[in-house]
Amino acid sequence: MRVRRVPVLVVAVIGAALLTGCQPNDIEADPSLTAGASPAASKPSDSRPPATDAPPPSQDGTPSSARRVVDAPQAGGLPKATGKAQLTDVPVDPGDVRDNMNMVEQKYLRKDSQGRQANVLVVAVDNVPEETSKRREYLFRGMLDYLKWEGTPPQAQPIGDVGPLGGSVECLLASFVEDGDVVCGWADDTTAGVVHFPNSTVPEAEKLIVAMRADLEK
C-alpha cells in the first residue's frame, strides 16, 4: 500500500461516488494487520439509505434493540463540518452497502494540540452481512489506502478501555513519528467503523474514538 500525506478532504456524505474495493464477503484478513482486507476491486452499491437512529425491524416485525450508526451533528464534542468545510463525496470505500444498512461517511472539525486544523474523518456502517470485525478490517484497509500508505500495513493494537458500548476498539499509527496519522476502528454486535485522526498521538485518539462512539451509535 502507498501512504501519501493528503489533507482530509473538504467534503460531506451525500450520494455515492464510484468506489473500488472488494466486497468483504470475498476477502481474507491480512495477518500483518488486524484490519487487513484484500485490495481487490469491486464497486459498492449506489443505493445507500440515509443514516437513521431507527433500529431495524426484527423478523417478526417488532422493533430491534440493535444499535445503528447515525449522522450525528457532533461526535465526542467535535462539530460536524458544514458549509464549505463539509464532505461532498465518499473518499473511503465502505464496502457492500445494502438496503437495510446505514452508512455514515462524515468529517468532524478538530484542532490539534498546536491549534492547527486537524479534521477527523469517520466511516461507519451497521447491519453488515458478515462479522463486524471483518468489515472493520476492510474499513481499516480502505482508510490506509486513502492515506496512501506504502509498505507493510501497521499493526493495529486493541485499547484497554473501550467505553460503555463494548465491542472491541483498535488503533494503529500510520506515521513514522509519534504525533501523526492515527487510525482507530471499532466493531461490536451490529456496527463497525474507523476514524482517521491527523496530527494525533495514539493515546489521544483512543480517548476521542470512545467519546465519539457515544454519538455515532444509537
N, C-alpha and C. Protein backbone atom coordinates (compact mmCIF):
# COMPACT_ATOMS: atom_id res chain seq x y z
N MET A 1 0.85 -1.20 0.00
CA MET A 1 0.00 0.00 0.00
C MET A 1 0.87 1.24 0.00
N ARG A 2 0.31 2.37 -0.50
CA ARG A 2 1.02 3.62 -0.52
C ARG A 2 0.46 4.60 0.46
N VAL A 3 1.35 5.29 1.25
CA VAL A 3 0.81 6.39 2.03
C VAL A 3 1.37 7.68 1.50
N ARG A 4 0.51 8.51 1.00
CA ARG A 4 0.89 9.86 0.61
C ARG A 4 0.11 10.77 1.50
N ARG A 5 0.77 11.65 2.23
CA ARG A 5 0.08 12.50 3.16
C ARG A 5 -0.83 13.44 2.39
N VAL A 6 -2.09 13.39 2.59
CA VAL A 6 -3.03 14.32 1.99
C VAL A 6 -3.93 14.85 3.07
N PRO A 7 -4.37 16.09 2.96
CA PRO A 7 -5.29 16.61 3.98
C PRO A 7 -6.63 15.94 3.85
N VAL A 8 -7.36 15.92 4.95
CA VAL A 8 -8.72 15.37 4.92
C VAL A 8 -9.52 16.23 3.96
N LEU A 9 -10.24 15.63 3.03
CA LEU A 9 -10.97 16.35 2.01
C LEU A 9 -12.08 17.20 2.62
N VAL A 10 -12.29 18.37 1.99
CA VAL A 10 -13.38 19.21 2.48
C VAL A 10 -14.63 18.73 1.75
N VAL A 11 -15.34 17.80 2.39
CA VAL A 11 -16.44 17.12 1.71
C VAL A 11 -17.51 16.55 2.65
N ALA A 12 -18.87 16.19 2.24
CA ALA A 12 -19.92 15.61 3.13
C ALA A 12 -20.57 14.40 2.51
N VAL A 13 -21.23 13.70 3.27
CA VAL A 13 -21.76 12.39 2.86
C VAL A 13 -22.97 12.61 2.00
N ILE A 14 -22.98 12.84 0.80
CA ILE A 14 -24.21 12.92 0.04
C ILE A 14 -23.91 12.18 -1.24
N GLY A 15 -24.73 11.20 -1.56
CA GLY A 15 -24.55 10.46 -2.79
C GLY A 15 -23.41 9.51 -2.72
N ALA A 16 -23.26 8.73 -3.74
CA ALA A 16 -22.23 7.73 -3.75
C ALA A 16 -21.31 7.98 -4.91
N ALA A 17 -20.00 7.98 -4.65
CA ALA A 17 -19.02 8.09 -5.70
C ALA A 17 -18.70 6.70 -6.22
N LEU A 18 -18.02 6.68 -7.37
CA LEU A 18 -17.59 5.39 -7.89
C LEU A 18 -16.38 4.95 -7.10
N LEU A 19 -16.57 3.92 -6.27
CA LEU A 19 -15.53 3.49 -5.35
C LEU A 19 -15.09 2.09 -5.72
N THR A 20 -13.82 1.81 -5.45
CA THR A 20 -13.33 0.47 -5.70
C THR A 20 -12.96 -0.19 -4.41
N GLY A 21 -12.94 -1.51 -4.38
CA GLY A 21 -12.63 -2.27 -3.18
C GLY A 21 -13.44 -3.53 -3.22
N CYS A 22 -12.84 -4.64 -2.82
CA CYS A 22 -13.54 -5.89 -2.86
C CYS A 22 -14.64 -5.92 -1.84
N GLN A 23 -15.68 -6.74 -2.11
CA GLN A 23 -16.72 -6.91 -1.13
C GLN A 23 -16.17 -7.72 0.02
N PRO A 24 -16.53 -7.33 1.27
CA PRO A 24 -15.96 -8.01 2.42
C PRO A 24 -16.23 -9.50 2.46
N ASN A 25 -17.32 -9.98 1.85
CA ASN A 25 -17.60 -11.42 1.86
C ASN A 25 -16.57 -12.20 1.05
N ASP A 26 -15.83 -11.47 0.19
CA ASP A 26 -14.89 -12.15 -0.70
C ASP A 26 -13.44 -12.00 -0.26
N ILE A 27 -13.17 -11.43 0.89
CA ILE A 27 -11.81 -11.12 1.27
C ILE A 27 -11.37 -11.95 2.44
N GLU A 28 -10.06 -12.02 2.63
CA GLU A 28 -9.48 -12.66 3.79
C GLU A 28 -8.61 -11.65 4.51
N ALA A 29 -8.57 -11.73 5.80
CA ALA A 29 -7.81 -10.76 6.59
C ALA A 29 -6.33 -10.93 6.34
N ASP A 30 -5.61 -9.79 6.25
CA ASP A 30 -4.17 -9.77 6.14
C ASP A 30 -3.59 -10.03 7.52
N PRO A 31 -2.81 -11.10 7.70
CA PRO A 31 -2.29 -11.39 9.04
C PRO A 31 -1.37 -10.33 9.58
N SER A 32 -0.84 -9.44 8.71
CA SER A 32 0.06 -8.40 9.20
C SER A 32 -0.68 -7.22 9.77
N LEU A 33 -2.01 -7.20 9.64
CA LEU A 33 -2.81 -6.05 10.09
C LEU A 33 -4.10 -6.59 10.61
N THR A 34 -4.46 -6.22 11.80
CA THR A 34 -5.75 -6.65 12.29
C THR A 34 -6.83 -6.19 11.35
N ALA A 35 -6.56 -5.04 10.68
CA ALA A 35 -7.52 -4.51 9.72
C ALA A 35 -7.06 -4.76 8.30
N GLY A 36 -6.71 -5.96 7.89
CA GLY A 36 -6.15 -6.21 6.58
C GLY A 36 -7.09 -6.88 5.64
N ALA A 37 -7.84 -6.10 4.85
CA ALA A 37 -8.67 -6.70 3.82
C ALA A 37 -7.94 -6.66 2.50
N SER A 38 -8.29 -7.56 1.59
CA SER A 38 -7.67 -7.62 0.29
C SER A 38 -7.98 -6.37 -0.51
N PRO A 39 -7.02 -5.84 -1.28
CA PRO A 39 -7.30 -4.64 -2.06
C PRO A 39 -7.96 -4.91 -3.40
N ALA A 40 -8.38 -6.15 -3.70
CA ALA A 40 -9.04 -6.44 -4.96
C ALA A 40 -10.24 -5.55 -5.13
N ALA A 41 -10.57 -5.12 -6.34
CA ALA A 41 -11.56 -4.07 -6.55
C ALA A 41 -12.91 -4.62 -6.93
N SER A 42 -13.96 -3.91 -6.45
CA SER A 42 -15.32 -4.06 -6.94
C SER A 42 -16.07 -2.80 -6.59
N LYS A 43 -17.25 -2.65 -7.12
CA LYS A 43 -18.00 -1.41 -6.95
C LYS A 43 -19.09 -1.58 -5.91
N PRO A 44 -19.12 -0.74 -4.87
CA PRO A 44 -20.19 -0.84 -3.89
C PRO A 44 -21.52 -0.38 -4.46
N SER A 45 -22.59 -0.77 -3.82
CA SER A 45 -23.93 -0.39 -4.28
C SER A 45 -24.10 1.11 -4.26
N ASP A 46 -24.83 1.63 -5.27
CA ASP A 46 -25.13 3.05 -5.32
C ASP A 46 -26.34 3.40 -4.46
N SER A 47 -27.02 2.37 -3.93
CA SER A 47 -28.21 2.62 -3.12
C SER A 47 -27.82 2.64 -1.66
N ARG A 48 -27.70 3.83 -1.11
CA ARG A 48 -27.26 3.98 0.26
C ARG A 48 -28.28 4.79 1.04
N PRO A 49 -29.09 4.14 1.87
CA PRO A 49 -30.11 4.88 2.63
C PRO A 49 -29.46 5.82 3.62
N PRO A 50 -30.10 6.94 3.91
CA PRO A 50 -29.53 7.87 4.88
C PRO A 50 -29.46 7.24 6.26
N ALA A 51 -28.45 7.65 7.03
CA ALA A 51 -28.31 7.12 8.38
C ALA A 51 -29.49 7.56 9.22
N THR A 52 -29.97 6.66 10.06
CA THR A 52 -31.10 6.96 10.92
C THR A 52 -30.90 6.31 12.26
N ASP A 53 -31.54 6.88 13.28
CA ASP A 53 -31.41 6.26 14.59
C ASP A 53 -32.53 5.26 14.84
N ALA A 54 -33.35 4.98 13.83
CA ALA A 54 -34.40 3.98 13.99
C ALA A 54 -33.80 2.59 13.86
N PRO A 55 -34.02 1.70 14.82
CA PRO A 55 -33.46 0.36 14.74
C PRO A 55 -34.15 -0.46 13.67
N PRO A 56 -33.48 -1.47 13.11
CA PRO A 56 -34.09 -2.29 12.08
C PRO A 56 -35.17 -3.18 12.68
N PRO A 57 -36.22 -3.53 11.89
CA PRO A 57 -37.23 -4.43 12.42
C PRO A 57 -36.69 -5.83 12.56
N SER A 58 -37.21 -6.59 13.51
CA SER A 58 -36.83 -7.99 13.66
C SER A 58 -37.61 -8.82 12.67
N GLN A 59 -37.38 -10.12 12.63
CA GLN A 59 -38.03 -10.97 11.65
C GLN A 59 -39.54 -10.98 11.83
N ASP A 60 -40.03 -10.81 13.07
CA ASP A 60 -41.48 -10.81 13.28
C ASP A 60 -42.08 -9.40 13.20
N GLY A 61 -41.26 -8.41 12.78
CA GLY A 61 -41.77 -7.07 12.57
C GLY A 61 -41.69 -6.16 13.77
N THR A 62 -41.30 -6.67 14.93
CA THR A 62 -41.19 -5.83 16.12
C THR A 62 -39.86 -5.10 16.11
N PRO A 63 -39.77 -3.93 16.76
CA PRO A 63 -38.51 -3.18 16.76
C PRO A 63 -37.38 -3.97 17.41
N SER A 64 -36.17 -3.77 16.90
CA SER A 64 -34.99 -4.43 17.45
C SER A 64 -34.24 -3.44 18.33
N SER A 65 -33.54 -3.97 19.32
CA SER A 65 -32.74 -3.12 20.19
C SER A 65 -31.33 -2.92 19.65
N ALA A 66 -31.03 -3.46 18.47
CA ALA A 66 -29.70 -3.34 17.88
C ALA A 66 -29.36 -1.88 17.62
N ARG A 67 -28.12 -1.50 17.90
CA ARG A 67 -27.70 -0.13 17.64
C ARG A 67 -27.43 0.07 16.15
N ARG A 68 -27.64 1.31 15.71
CA ARG A 68 -27.35 1.70 14.33
C ARG A 68 -26.36 2.86 14.34
N VAL A 69 -25.70 3.11 13.21
CA VAL A 69 -24.84 4.29 13.11
C VAL A 69 -25.70 5.46 12.64
N VAL A 70 -25.39 6.66 13.14
CA VAL A 70 -26.17 7.85 12.82
C VAL A 70 -25.24 8.98 12.38
N ASP A 71 -25.79 9.85 11.56
CA ASP A 71 -25.07 11.03 11.07
C ASP A 71 -25.22 12.13 12.13
N ALA A 72 -24.41 12.05 13.16
CA ALA A 72 -24.56 12.91 14.34
C ALA A 72 -24.10 14.34 14.05
N PRO A 73 -24.81 15.34 14.58
CA PRO A 73 -24.39 16.73 14.40
C PRO A 73 -23.09 17.05 15.11
N GLN A 74 -22.76 16.28 16.15
CA GLN A 74 -21.44 16.37 16.77
C GLN A 74 -21.09 14.99 17.32
N ALA A 75 -19.81 14.73 17.42
CA ALA A 75 -19.33 13.43 17.90
C ALA A 75 -18.14 13.65 18.82
N GLY A 76 -18.28 13.21 20.06
CA GLY A 76 -17.20 13.39 21.03
C GLY A 76 -16.85 14.84 21.26
N GLY A 77 -17.85 15.73 21.14
CA GLY A 77 -17.62 17.16 21.32
C GLY A 77 -17.14 17.87 20.07
N LEU A 78 -16.93 17.14 18.97
CA LEU A 78 -16.47 17.75 17.72
C LEU A 78 -17.67 18.03 16.82
N PRO A 79 -17.81 19.25 16.31
CA PRO A 79 -18.95 19.56 15.43
C PRO A 79 -18.75 18.99 14.03
N LYS A 80 -19.86 18.59 13.42
CA LYS A 80 -19.80 18.11 12.04
C LYS A 80 -19.45 19.27 11.11
N ALA A 81 -18.62 19.00 10.13
CA ALA A 81 -18.25 20.04 9.16
C ALA A 81 -19.46 20.37 8.29
N THR A 82 -19.72 21.66 8.12
CA THR A 82 -20.83 22.13 7.31
C THR A 82 -20.34 23.21 6.35
N GLY A 83 -21.23 23.63 5.48
CA GLY A 83 -20.88 24.70 4.54
C GLY A 83 -19.74 24.30 3.63
N LYS A 84 -18.79 25.20 3.48
CA LYS A 84 -17.66 24.94 2.59
C LYS A 84 -16.75 23.84 3.11
N ALA A 85 -16.83 23.56 4.40
CA ALA A 85 -15.95 22.54 5.00
C ALA A 85 -16.54 21.14 4.93
N GLN A 86 -17.81 21.01 4.52
CA GLN A 86 -18.46 19.70 4.61
C GLN A 86 -17.96 18.72 3.55
N LEU A 87 -18.20 17.45 3.84
CA LEU A 87 -17.83 16.38 2.93
C LEU A 87 -18.82 16.37 1.77
N THR A 88 -18.31 16.26 0.53
CA THR A 88 -19.20 16.24 -0.62
C THR A 88 -19.05 14.98 -1.46
N ASP A 89 -18.19 14.07 -1.08
CA ASP A 89 -18.12 12.78 -1.76
C ASP A 89 -17.78 11.71 -0.72
N VAL A 90 -17.47 10.52 -1.18
CA VAL A 90 -17.18 9.39 -0.30
C VAL A 90 -15.73 8.97 -0.54
N PRO A 91 -14.78 9.51 0.23
CA PRO A 91 -13.36 9.27 -0.06
C PRO A 91 -12.87 7.87 0.30
N VAL A 92 -13.58 7.15 1.16
CA VAL A 92 -13.16 5.81 1.57
C VAL A 92 -14.26 4.81 1.23
N ASP A 93 -13.90 3.73 0.57
CA ASP A 93 -14.86 2.69 0.19
C ASP A 93 -15.42 2.02 1.44
N PRO A 94 -16.74 2.11 1.68
CA PRO A 94 -17.31 1.48 2.86
C PRO A 94 -17.60 0.00 2.69
N GLY A 95 -17.38 -0.54 1.48
CA GLY A 95 -17.74 -1.92 1.21
C GLY A 95 -19.20 -2.02 0.78
N ASP A 96 -19.71 -3.24 0.77
CA ASP A 96 -21.08 -3.50 0.34
C ASP A 96 -22.08 -2.83 1.27
N VAL A 97 -22.92 -1.95 0.72
CA VAL A 97 -23.96 -1.27 1.50
C VAL A 97 -25.31 -1.66 0.91
N ARG A 98 -26.10 -2.38 1.69
CA ARG A 98 -27.38 -2.90 1.21
C ARG A 98 -28.54 -2.03 1.73
N ASP A 99 -29.74 -2.35 1.25
CA ASP A 99 -30.90 -1.51 1.55
C ASP A 99 -31.22 -1.43 3.03
N ASN A 100 -30.91 -2.47 3.80
CA ASN A 100 -31.25 -2.47 5.23
C ASN A 100 -30.09 -2.01 6.10
N MET A 101 -29.13 -1.33 5.50
CA MET A 101 -27.96 -0.86 6.22
C MET A 101 -27.92 0.67 6.21
N ASN A 102 -27.28 1.23 7.23
CA ASN A 102 -26.92 2.65 7.25
C ASN A 102 -25.42 2.79 7.01
N MET A 103 -25.04 3.85 6.34
CA MET A 103 -23.63 4.17 6.15
C MET A 103 -23.42 5.64 6.49
N VAL A 104 -22.42 5.93 7.30
CA VAL A 104 -22.05 7.30 7.62
C VAL A 104 -20.61 7.52 7.19
N GLU A 105 -20.40 8.51 6.36
CA GLU A 105 -19.04 8.94 6.00
C GLU A 105 -19.05 10.45 6.17
N GLN A 106 -18.36 10.90 7.22
CA GLN A 106 -18.53 12.28 7.65
C GLN A 106 -17.22 12.84 8.19
N LYS A 107 -17.13 14.16 8.16
CA LYS A 107 -15.96 14.85 8.69
C LYS A 107 -16.37 15.70 9.89
N TYR A 108 -15.53 15.68 10.92
CA TYR A 108 -15.77 16.47 12.13
C TYR A 108 -14.59 17.39 12.37
N LEU A 109 -14.90 18.62 12.78
CA LEU A 109 -13.89 19.66 12.90
C LEU A 109 -13.10 19.50 14.20
N ARG A 110 -11.79 19.58 14.09
CA ARG A 110 -10.91 19.41 15.24
C ARG A 110 -9.64 20.21 15.02
N LYS A 111 -9.06 20.69 16.12
CA LYS A 111 -7.74 21.31 16.08
C LYS A 111 -6.80 20.48 16.94
N ASP A 112 -5.54 20.39 16.50
CA ASP A 112 -4.58 19.60 17.27
C ASP A 112 -4.04 20.40 18.45
N SER A 113 -3.09 19.82 19.16
CA SER A 113 -2.57 20.45 20.37
C SER A 113 -1.86 21.76 20.11
N GLN A 114 -1.48 22.01 18.84
CA GLN A 114 -0.82 23.26 18.49
C GLN A 114 -1.78 24.25 17.81
N GLY A 115 -3.06 23.93 17.82
CA GLY A 115 -4.04 24.84 17.24
C GLY A 115 -4.19 24.72 15.74
N ARG A 116 -3.56 23.73 15.12
CA ARG A 116 -3.69 23.53 13.68
C ARG A 116 -4.97 22.76 13.38
N GLN A 117 -5.59 23.06 12.22
CA GLN A 117 -6.78 22.32 11.82
C GLN A 117 -6.40 20.88 11.54
N ALA A 118 -7.07 19.95 12.18
CA ALA A 118 -6.78 18.52 12.03
C ALA A 118 -8.10 17.76 12.05
N ASN A 119 -8.90 17.96 11.02
CA ASN A 119 -10.25 17.42 10.98
C ASN A 119 -10.25 15.90 10.94
N VAL A 120 -11.30 15.32 11.50
CA VAL A 120 -11.42 13.88 11.70
C VAL A 120 -12.37 13.30 10.66
N LEU A 121 -11.97 12.21 10.02
CA LEU A 121 -12.82 11.53 9.03
C LEU A 121 -13.36 10.23 9.63
N VAL A 122 -14.68 10.06 9.56
CA VAL A 122 -15.36 8.88 10.10
C VAL A 122 -16.00 8.10 8.96
N VAL A 123 -15.83 6.77 8.98
CA VAL A 123 -16.53 5.87 8.06
C VAL A 123 -17.13 4.77 8.92
N ALA A 124 -18.45 4.61 8.89
CA ALA A 124 -19.09 3.61 9.74
C ALA A 124 -20.31 3.02 9.05
N VAL A 125 -20.59 1.75 9.35
CA VAL A 125 -21.75 1.05 8.79
C VAL A 125 -22.39 0.20 9.88
N ASP A 126 -23.61 -0.26 9.59
CA ASP A 126 -24.27 -1.17 10.53
C ASP A 126 -24.96 -2.30 9.78
N ASN A 127 -25.39 -3.30 10.53
CA ASN A 127 -26.17 -4.41 9.98
C ASN A 127 -25.49 -5.06 8.78
N VAL A 128 -24.16 -5.25 8.86
CA VAL A 128 -23.42 -5.82 7.73
C VAL A 128 -23.72 -7.32 7.61
N PRO A 129 -23.60 -7.88 6.39
CA PRO A 129 -23.91 -9.30 6.21
C PRO A 129 -22.83 -10.23 6.74
N GLU A 130 -21.64 -9.70 7.05
CA GLU A 130 -20.55 -10.53 7.58
C GLU A 130 -20.29 -10.13 9.02
N GLU A 131 -19.33 -10.76 9.66
CA GLU A 131 -18.94 -10.37 11.01
C GLU A 131 -18.46 -8.92 11.00
N THR A 132 -18.86 -8.17 12.02
CA THR A 132 -18.48 -6.76 12.06
C THR A 132 -16.96 -6.58 12.13
N SER A 133 -16.25 -7.52 12.77
CA SER A 133 -14.79 -7.40 12.84
C SER A 133 -14.17 -7.53 11.46
N LYS A 134 -14.79 -8.31 10.60
CA LYS A 134 -14.27 -8.44 9.24
C LYS A 134 -14.50 -7.15 8.45
N ARG A 135 -15.68 -6.53 8.66
CA ARG A 135 -15.91 -5.25 7.98
C ARG A 135 -14.95 -4.18 8.51
N ARG A 136 -14.64 -4.21 9.80
CA ARG A 136 -13.67 -3.26 10.34
C ARG A 136 -12.33 -3.43 9.66
N GLU A 137 -11.90 -4.67 9.42
CA GLU A 137 -10.65 -4.91 8.70
C GLU A 137 -10.68 -4.25 7.33
N TYR A 138 -11.80 -4.40 6.65
CA TYR A 138 -11.96 -3.81 5.32
C TYR A 138 -11.88 -2.28 5.38
N LEU A 139 -12.53 -1.70 6.38
CA LEU A 139 -12.52 -0.25 6.53
C LEU A 139 -11.13 0.27 6.90
N PHE A 140 -10.41 -0.49 7.74
CA PHE A 140 -9.02 -0.12 8.05
C PHE A 140 -8.20 -0.05 6.76
N ARG A 141 -8.33 -1.08 5.94
CA ARG A 141 -7.57 -1.10 4.69
C ARG A 141 -7.95 0.08 3.79
N GLY A 142 -9.25 0.36 3.71
CA GLY A 142 -9.70 1.48 2.89
C GLY A 142 -9.16 2.81 3.38
N MET A 143 -9.11 3.00 4.71
CA MET A 143 -8.58 4.25 5.24
C MET A 143 -7.08 4.37 4.98
N LEU A 144 -6.34 3.27 5.09
CA LEU A 144 -4.91 3.31 4.80
C LEU A 144 -4.67 3.58 3.32
N ASP A 145 -5.52 3.04 2.45
CA ASP A 145 -5.42 3.35 1.02
C ASP A 145 -5.67 4.84 0.78
N TYR A 146 -6.66 5.38 1.49
CA TYR A 146 -6.96 6.81 1.39
C TYR A 146 -5.75 7.66 1.81
N LEU A 147 -5.02 7.17 2.83
CA LEU A 147 -3.84 7.88 3.30
C LEU A 147 -2.60 7.60 2.44
N LYS A 148 -2.76 6.73 1.43
CA LYS A 148 -1.67 6.37 0.51
C LYS A 148 -0.49 5.75 1.28
N TRP A 149 -0.80 4.86 2.20
CA TRP A 149 0.24 4.18 2.97
C TRP A 149 1.00 3.20 2.09
N GLU A 150 2.33 3.22 2.16
CA GLU A 150 3.18 2.31 1.40
C GLU A 150 3.77 1.25 2.32
N GLY A 151 4.03 0.08 1.76
CA GLY A 151 4.72 -0.95 2.51
C GLY A 151 3.79 -1.77 3.39
N THR A 152 4.40 -2.48 4.33
CA THR A 152 3.66 -3.36 5.23
C THR A 152 2.69 -2.54 6.08
N PRO A 153 1.44 -2.97 6.18
CA PRO A 153 0.48 -2.22 7.00
C PRO A 153 0.91 -2.21 8.46
N PRO A 154 0.67 -1.12 9.16
CA PRO A 154 0.99 -1.07 10.58
C PRO A 154 0.11 -2.06 11.34
N GLN A 155 0.57 -2.50 12.49
CA GLN A 155 -0.19 -3.43 13.32
C GLN A 155 -1.15 -2.68 14.23
N ALA A 156 -2.44 -2.99 14.10
CA ALA A 156 -3.44 -2.37 14.98
C ALA A 156 -3.40 -3.07 16.33
N GLN A 157 -3.52 -2.29 17.40
CA GLN A 157 -3.47 -2.83 18.75
C GLN A 157 -4.78 -2.52 19.48
N PRO A 158 -5.32 -3.50 20.21
CA PRO A 158 -6.55 -3.24 20.98
C PRO A 158 -6.29 -2.25 22.10
N ILE A 159 -7.28 -1.43 22.41
CA ILE A 159 -7.14 -0.49 23.51
C ILE A 159 -7.75 -1.08 24.77
N GLY A 160 -7.34 -0.58 25.91
CA GLY A 160 -7.79 -1.15 27.18
C GLY A 160 -9.22 -0.81 27.53
N ASP A 161 -9.58 0.47 27.49
CA ASP A 161 -10.90 0.91 27.90
C ASP A 161 -11.73 1.26 26.66
N VAL A 162 -12.64 0.37 26.27
CA VAL A 162 -13.43 0.60 25.06
C VAL A 162 -14.69 1.41 25.33
N GLY A 163 -14.97 1.72 26.59
CA GLY A 163 -16.13 2.52 26.92
C GLY A 163 -17.40 1.69 27.11
N PRO A 164 -18.52 2.35 27.39
CA PRO A 164 -19.76 1.66 27.73
C PRO A 164 -20.41 0.90 26.59
N LEU A 165 -20.05 1.18 25.34
CA LEU A 165 -20.67 0.50 24.22
C LEU A 165 -20.08 -0.88 23.95
N GLY A 166 -18.97 -1.18 24.59
CA GLY A 166 -18.40 -2.52 24.47
C GLY A 166 -17.80 -2.80 23.10
N GLY A 167 -17.83 -4.07 22.73
CA GLY A 167 -17.18 -4.49 21.50
C GLY A 167 -15.67 -4.42 21.64
N SER A 168 -15.00 -4.21 20.54
CA SER A 168 -13.54 -4.08 20.57
C SER A 168 -13.13 -2.84 19.79
N VAL A 169 -12.09 -2.18 20.26
CA VAL A 169 -11.56 -0.98 19.62
C VAL A 169 -10.06 -1.16 19.44
N GLU A 170 -9.57 -0.85 18.25
CA GLU A 170 -8.16 -0.99 17.94
C GLU A 170 -7.64 0.29 17.29
N CYS A 171 -6.38 0.60 17.52
CA CYS A 171 -5.76 1.79 16.92
C CYS A 171 -4.41 1.43 16.33
N LEU A 172 -4.03 2.14 15.30
CA LEU A 172 -2.70 1.98 14.71
C LEU A 172 -2.14 3.35 14.36
N LEU A 173 -0.83 3.45 14.35
CA LEU A 173 -0.13 4.68 13.99
C LEU A 173 0.37 4.55 12.55
N ALA A 174 -0.25 5.29 11.63
CA ALA A 174 0.15 5.28 10.23
C ALA A 174 1.10 6.44 9.97
N SER A 175 2.19 6.45 10.72
CA SER A 175 3.13 7.56 10.67
C SER A 175 4.48 7.07 11.18
N PHE A 176 5.52 7.75 10.79
CA PHE A 176 6.86 7.41 11.28
C PHE A 176 7.27 8.27 12.46
N VAL A 177 6.35 9.08 12.94
CA VAL A 177 6.58 9.87 14.15
C VAL A 177 5.43 9.61 15.10
N GLU A 178 5.62 9.89 16.39
CA GLU A 178 4.60 9.58 17.38
C GLU A 178 3.38 10.49 17.26
N ASP A 179 3.56 11.67 16.71
CA ASP A 179 2.46 12.63 16.54
C ASP A 179 2.18 12.74 15.05
N GLY A 180 1.25 11.90 14.57
CA GLY A 180 0.98 11.87 13.14
C GLY A 180 -0.40 11.34 12.85
N ASP A 181 -0.53 10.52 11.79
CA ASP A 181 -1.82 9.95 11.41
C ASP A 181 -2.11 8.72 12.26
N VAL A 182 -3.21 8.77 13.00
CA VAL A 182 -3.66 7.63 13.79
C VAL A 182 -5.02 7.20 13.24
N VAL A 183 -5.18 5.89 13.05
CA VAL A 183 -6.46 5.33 12.60
C VAL A 183 -6.95 4.37 13.68
N CYS A 184 -8.17 4.58 14.14
CA CYS A 184 -8.79 3.71 15.13
C CYS A 184 -10.06 3.13 14.55
N GLY A 185 -10.39 1.92 14.96
CA GLY A 185 -11.61 1.28 14.47
C GLY A 185 -12.30 0.50 15.57
N TRP A 186 -13.63 0.40 15.46
CA TRP A 186 -14.38 -0.39 16.44
C TRP A 186 -15.23 -1.42 15.72
N ALA A 187 -15.62 -2.46 16.46
CA ALA A 187 -16.57 -3.46 15.97
C ALA A 187 -17.33 -3.97 17.18
N ASP A 188 -18.67 -3.99 17.08
CA ASP A 188 -19.49 -4.57 18.14
C ASP A 188 -20.53 -5.47 17.50
N ASP A 189 -21.62 -5.77 18.18
CA ASP A 189 -22.58 -6.74 17.66
C ASP A 189 -23.18 -6.34 16.32
N THR A 190 -23.42 -5.05 16.12
CA THR A 190 -24.16 -4.62 14.92
C THR A 190 -23.49 -3.53 14.11
N THR A 191 -22.43 -2.90 14.59
CA THR A 191 -21.81 -1.79 13.87
C THR A 191 -20.30 -1.96 13.76
N ALA A 192 -19.73 -1.27 12.78
CA ALA A 192 -18.28 -1.23 12.61
C ALA A 192 -17.91 0.12 12.02
N GLY A 193 -16.76 0.64 12.41
CA GLY A 193 -16.35 1.93 11.88
C GLY A 193 -14.87 2.18 12.10
N VAL A 194 -14.31 3.09 11.32
CA VAL A 194 -12.93 3.54 11.51
C VAL A 194 -12.91 5.06 11.48
N VAL A 195 -11.92 5.62 12.17
CA VAL A 195 -11.78 7.08 12.27
C VAL A 195 -10.33 7.44 12.05
N HIS A 196 -10.08 8.46 11.23
CA HIS A 196 -8.73 8.97 11.00
C HIS A 196 -8.52 10.23 11.82
N PHE A 197 -7.48 10.21 12.66
CA PHE A 197 -7.12 11.37 13.48
C PHE A 197 -5.77 11.89 13.00
N PRO A 198 -5.72 12.97 12.23
CA PRO A 198 -4.44 13.54 11.82
C PRO A 198 -3.80 14.33 12.96
N ASN A 199 -2.48 14.46 12.92
CA ASN A 199 -1.74 15.22 13.93
C ASN A 199 -2.14 14.80 15.34
N SER A 200 -2.13 13.51 15.59
CA SER A 200 -2.57 12.97 16.87
C SER A 200 -1.58 11.94 17.37
N THR A 201 -1.67 11.64 18.65
CA THR A 201 -0.95 10.51 19.22
C THR A 201 -1.97 9.40 19.44
N VAL A 202 -1.47 8.17 19.61
CA VAL A 202 -2.38 7.05 19.84
C VAL A 202 -3.19 7.25 21.12
N PRO A 203 -2.59 7.65 22.26
CA PRO A 203 -3.41 7.86 23.47
C PRO A 203 -4.51 8.90 23.27
N GLU A 204 -4.22 9.98 22.55
CA GLU A 204 -5.24 10.99 22.28
C GLU A 204 -6.38 10.41 21.45
N ALA A 205 -6.02 9.65 20.42
CA ALA A 205 -7.02 9.07 19.54
C ALA A 205 -7.87 8.03 20.26
N GLU A 206 -7.26 7.25 21.15
CA GLU A 206 -8.00 6.24 21.90
C GLU A 206 -9.13 6.88 22.72
N LYS A 207 -8.82 7.97 23.39
CA LYS A 207 -9.84 8.64 24.20
C LYS A 207 -10.94 9.24 23.33
N LEU A 208 -10.55 9.81 22.19
CA LEU A 208 -11.52 10.50 21.36
C LEU A 208 -12.46 9.54 20.65
N ILE A 209 -11.97 8.40 20.19
CA ILE A 209 -12.87 7.47 19.50
C ILE A 209 -13.91 6.91 20.45
N VAL A 210 -13.53 6.67 21.72
CA VAL A 210 -14.51 6.19 22.70
C VAL A 210 -15.60 7.24 22.90
N ALA A 211 -15.22 8.50 22.98
CA ALA A 211 -16.19 9.58 23.16
C ALA A 211 -17.07 9.74 21.91
N MET A 212 -16.49 9.60 20.74
CA MET A 212 -17.24 9.78 19.50
C MET A 212 -18.28 8.68 19.30
N ARG A 213 -17.95 7.46 19.69
CA ARG A 213 -18.90 6.36 19.51
C ARG A 213 -20.22 6.62 20.22
N ALA A 214 -20.18 7.29 21.36
CA ALA A 214 -21.41 7.57 22.11
C ALA A 214 -22.40 8.38 21.28
N ASP A 215 -21.91 9.17 20.31
CA ASP A 215 -22.78 9.98 19.48
C ASP A 215 -23.04 9.32 18.11
N LEU A 216 -22.13 8.48 17.65
CA LEU A 216 -22.25 7.87 16.33
C LEU A 216 -23.07 6.59 16.34
N GLU A 217 -23.29 6.00 17.49
CA GLU A 217 -24.09 4.77 17.62
C GLU A 217 -25.31 5.06 18.49
N LYS A 218 -26.48 4.69 18.01
CA LYS A 218 -27.72 4.88 18.77
C LYS A 218 -28.60 3.65 18.69
